Amino acid sequence: MSQKLPLLVEPEQLQHHLGDPDLLVVDLSQMSVHTEIHIPGAVHLDYGSIVGGHRNTGGLLPDEGVLSGVLSNVGLKAEHHVVAYDDEGGGKAARLLWTLEILGHGRYSLLNGGLHAWAGEGFPLERAPTPIEPSAYHAALDRDSEAIADADYILAHLDDPSVALLDARSPGEFDGSKKFAARGGHIPGAVNMEWTEAMDQKRNLRLKEPSASRSRLEKLGIRAEQTVVAYCQTHHRSAHTWFWLKWLGYRAKGYPGSWSDWGNRPELPVEG
């Protein structure tokens, strides 16, 4: 690749690099959408294959063997720069990028606006499946990565003013009127901003401009010097929030399992 792609890449920037041997474009749209339209050369990855779970807890990291197989099947190599996109505004794509961050694979970008921006603005599309040459990718999870937070970390920092909790669920989930775990409500001290608020509906679901985004965070009481832990129900929606925070320059962490973990553990405190 003649030049490094930015963390957030625009469709016209990506178009110039299609076909580069060290670029892997990964489509996490629904399979039914991918078979009809996708970016030329994009390989399809099923979102369910990059998340694990047990009992009532979803959105966990799969084990290394599973991830190694899944990523090898789409042909990922250590030297690849991954550009991920989906058809929902970036939640599934961001979860892949968060996973790559945990794996120490730092060469990645999110396509701003995803398929909405690419297709809606007339960039080339194809229907034929992309031939895939499987690789031998070795996934090694860094459980101590700065991008990950678990319940123990959050519990230890509930009264720490240097750590903020950002709940990316709907207001109803946040206040407990909608319950998708044994208990409703939110983690004590968390503030709520539904994940779609970061998207500009008038610009094909691109991320809102940095100034507007930072202003929104300031109104929530989140300061630039804080570490921000993003969570939702399973760390799907909040993966998008994590990426948004990272793009804005915040120290961001994601909570795999999120409320499906916290809300189902009776020993953990709840508000709402």
Foldseek 3Di string as FASTA:
>chain_A
DVDAADQEHEPVRVVVCPPPPQEAEEEQAPPVVLLAKDDPRHAYAHLVQQKDDDDLFTQHGDDQVSVQVRCLQQPDDLSHQYEYAYQPLCLSRLSVQLQCQQQVSNRYHYHFLGPLQCVVVPHDIDNDHRDGDGDRDGGDGNPPGLAADEPVRCVVCLVPPQEAEEEQEDPCQQQQVDDSEPGGHAAPRHFYDHLQVQFDPVNNRGGDDLVVVVVVCVVRVDDQRHEYEYAYQASRSRSSVQSVCVVSPHSYYYYGSGCSVQVHDVVHDGHD
